[in-house]
Protein backbone atom coordinates (compact mmCIF):
# COMPACT_ATOMS: atom_id res chain seq x y z
CA MET A 1 64.91 30.47 -81.70
CA LEU A 2 65.03 28.06 -78.76
CA VAL A 3 68.04 28.16 -76.44
CA SER A 4 68.75 26.02 -73.40
CA SER A 5 71.79 26.45 -71.18
CA ALA A 6 72.94 27.19 -67.65
CA SER A 7 72.94 30.78 -66.46
CA PRO A 8 75.55 32.44 -64.23
CA GLU A 9 73.30 35.42 -63.40
CA ARG A 10 71.92 35.58 -59.86
CA THR A 11 71.50 31.83 -59.56
CA SER A 12 73.65 28.78 -59.14
CA PRO A 13 75.72 27.60 -62.09
CA ASN A 14 73.40 24.59 -62.28
CA ALA A 15 70.30 26.65 -63.07
CA LEU A 16 68.41 25.77 -66.24
CA LEU A 17 67.79 28.57 -68.71
CA CYS A 18 65.52 28.37 -71.72
CA SER A 19 64.22 31.05 -74.07
CA GLN A 20 61.72 31.19 -76.90
CA ASP A 21 60.98 33.88 -79.50
CA LEU A 22 57.26 34.57 -79.84
CA ALA A 23 55.17 36.22 -82.54
CA ALA A 24 52.89 37.78 -79.93
CA THR A 25 52.68 40.94 -77.89
CA PRO A 26 54.57 41.10 -74.60
CA GLU A 27 51.27 41.85 -72.87
CA ALA A 28 49.70 38.60 -74.11
CA ALA A 29 52.76 36.58 -73.12
CA PHE A 30 52.92 38.15 -69.66
CA ALA A 31 49.20 37.60 -69.10
CA LEU A 32 49.57 33.89 -69.92
CA VAL A 33 52.59 33.58 -67.59
CA CYS A 34 50.65 35.28 -64.77
CA ASP A 35 47.70 32.94 -65.22
CA VAL A 36 49.38 30.35 -62.99
CA GLU A 37 46.37 28.02 -62.81
CA LYS A 38 46.89 27.33 -66.53
CA TRP A 39 50.57 26.37 -66.19
CA PRO A 40 49.89 22.61 -66.33
CA VAL A 41 48.49 23.14 -69.85
CA TRP A 42 51.83 24.33 -71.20
CA LEU A 43 54.43 23.80 -68.43
CA SER A 44 54.74 20.02 -68.45
CA CYS A 45 56.85 19.83 -65.27
CA THR A 46 53.85 21.00 -63.20
CA ARG A 47 50.92 18.83 -62.18
CA SER A 48 48.87 21.54 -60.48
CA VAL A 49 49.30 25.18 -59.53
CA ARG A 50 46.93 27.28 -57.46
CA ARG A 51 47.07 30.76 -56.06
CA LEU A 52 46.44 31.05 -52.35
CA ASP A 53 45.14 34.62 -52.63
CA GLU A 54 42.75 34.22 -55.55
CA ALA A 55 40.96 37.54 -55.02
CA ALA A 56 43.98 39.76 -55.66
CA PRO A 57 45.89 39.90 -58.96
CA LEU A 58 49.33 38.30 -59.11
CA GLN A 59 51.72 40.78 -57.53
CA LEU A 60 54.75 41.06 -55.27
CA GLY A 61 54.14 38.84 -52.24
CA SER A 62 51.49 36.63 -53.88
CA GLU A 63 51.68 32.99 -52.84
CA VAL A 64 51.35 29.99 -55.13
CA ALA A 65 51.10 26.29 -54.24
CA LEU A 66 52.85 24.19 -56.89
CA ARG A 67 52.89 20.42 -57.30
CA GLY A 68 55.23 18.98 -59.89
CA ALA A 69 58.73 17.95 -60.89
CA LEU A 70 60.19 21.18 -59.50
CA ALA A 71 58.84 20.54 -56.04
CA GLY A 72 58.76 16.75 -55.98
CA ASP A 73 55.61 14.78 -55.24
CA GLY A 74 54.27 17.09 -52.55
CA GLU A 75 52.80 20.54 -52.89
CA ASP A 76 55.31 23.33 -52.24
CA LEU A 77 54.67 26.96 -51.50
CA TYR A 78 56.24 29.67 -53.68
CA GLU A 79 56.11 33.43 -53.24
CA VAL A 80 56.46 36.17 -55.86
CA ASP A 81 59.64 38.00 -54.85
CA ARG A 82 60.19 40.03 -58.04
CA PHE A 83 57.41 41.52 -60.10
CA LEU A 84 57.56 44.14 -62.82
CA ALA A 85 54.23 44.31 -64.66
CA GLY A 86 54.58 43.21 -68.26
CA HIS A 87 58.21 42.19 -67.86
CA ILE A 88 59.30 40.03 -64.89
CA VAL A 89 57.69 37.62 -62.45
CA SER A 90 59.91 35.55 -60.20
CA PHE A 91 58.90 32.87 -57.72
CA VAL A 92 61.02 31.74 -54.79
CA GLY A 93 60.40 28.72 -52.60
CA ALA A 94 58.86 29.77 -49.30
CA TYR A 95 60.88 27.18 -47.36
CA SER A 96 64.00 27.13 -49.53
CA VAL A 97 65.23 30.30 -51.21
CA ARG A 98 67.39 28.13 -53.43
CA ARG A 99 64.26 27.03 -55.34
CA ARG A 100 63.49 29.62 -57.99
CA LEU A 101 61.33 29.94 -61.06
CA ASP A 102 61.89 33.14 -63.07
CA PHE A 103 59.98 34.38 -66.11
CA ARG A 104 61.21 37.38 -68.11
CA ILE A 105 59.46 38.89 -71.13
CA GLU A 106 61.65 40.92 -73.49
CA ARG A 107 60.24 43.12 -76.22
CA LYS A 108 62.16 42.72 -79.46
CA SER A 109 61.51 44.88 -82.54
CA SER A 110 58.51 42.97 -83.87
CA ARG A 111 58.74 39.90 -81.67
CA THR A 112 58.74 39.00 -78.00
CA LYS A 113 61.18 36.77 -76.17
CA LEU A 114 60.28 34.65 -73.16
CA VAL A 115 63.17 33.64 -70.91
CA VAL A 116 62.58 31.05 -68.19
CA ARG A 117 65.10 30.16 -65.50
CA VAL A 118 64.64 27.21 -63.14
CA ASP A 119 66.92 26.67 -60.18
CA TYR A 120 66.68 24.09 -57.44
CA PRO A 121 69.23 22.53 -55.09
CA ALA A 122 70.70 19.07 -55.50
CA TYR A 123 71.47 17.41 -52.19
CA GLY A 124 73.89 14.59 -51.43
CA GLY A 125 77.19 16.29 -52.17
CA VAL A 126 79.12 15.66 -55.35
CA VAL A 127 77.53 12.26 -55.92
CA GLY A 128 74.00 13.60 -55.44
CA ALA A 129 74.68 16.53 -57.78
CA LEU A 130 76.11 14.18 -60.43
CA ILE A 131 73.12 11.84 -60.21
CA ASP A 132 70.73 14.80 -60.40
CA ARG A 133 72.57 16.22 -63.42
CA MET A 134 72.33 12.89 -65.25
CA THR A 135 68.69 12.13 -64.41
CA ALA A 136 66.20 14.70 -63.09
CA ARG A 137 67.92 17.87 -64.33
CA ARG A 138 68.38 16.46 -67.84
CA ARG A 139 64.70 15.44 -67.99
CA LEU A 140 63.60 18.82 -66.63
CA ASP A 141 65.73 20.61 -69.22
CA ARG A 142 64.03 18.68 -72.06
CA GLU A 143 60.59 19.31 -70.55
CA LEU A 144 61.33 23.02 -70.24
CA VAL A 145 62.28 23.25 -73.92
CA ASP A 146 59.11 21.40 -74.92
CA SER A 147 57.01 23.54 -72.55
CA LEU A 148 58.14 26.76 -74.19
CA VAL A 149 57.14 25.37 -77.58
CA HIS A 150 53.67 24.69 -76.10
CA PHE A 151 53.62 28.21 -74.63
CA LYS A 152 54.51 29.63 -78.04
CA GLY A 153 51.61 27.75 -79.61
CA LEU A 154 49.15 28.99 -77.00
CA VAL A 155 50.21 32.63 -76.95
CA GLU A 156 50.35 32.89 -80.74
CA PHE A 157 46.94 31.25 -81.09
CA ALA A 158 44.10 33.72 -81.83
CA GLY A 159 42.73 35.23 -78.60
CA GLY A 160 39.13 33.99 -78.70
CA GLU A 161 40.12 30.51 -79.82
CA ARG A 162 42.83 30.30 -77.13
CA ASP A 163 40.38 31.36 -74.42
CA ALA A 164 37.93 28.67 -75.52
CA LEU A 165 40.74 26.10 -75.53
CA LEU A 166 41.82 27.03 -71.98
CA ALA A 167 38.29 27.44 -70.59
CA ASP A 168 38.29 23.94 -69.06
CA PHE A 169 41.31 24.69 -66.87
């Protein structure tokens, strides 16, 4: 089931929330989320993502440079501020703590659920927030829904075939 709505938990009321049920193990889903260099394959609002500390595994304090709709045209720095192996990875903007990208993996009985929350500020007062809500935020919400469908396809794809498909990235 695909759900998209705003979330009142720990973020602004304007945050985007999207979830997707997966027929895959939580470990496989979490591994694909943590492989940030592959985000542009399934997360359509990103153009490029690279880890700044490539030698170490993704962990609390890891830094990621992201270029895409979340950050605008330039490359922005994000830091992992919450990390629970196999369950949660959360990125916060290094220069603006109001920019957040949260991924949560929930184990259901025989299924897995991926929950993604995106939060970013809208500047310009009431008028700026209204314009953002009618343009960029609406487009980002649609892209997020579509991205989770792509994620579902990749994570449910057979392991060896998926690895061959993602080898170019």
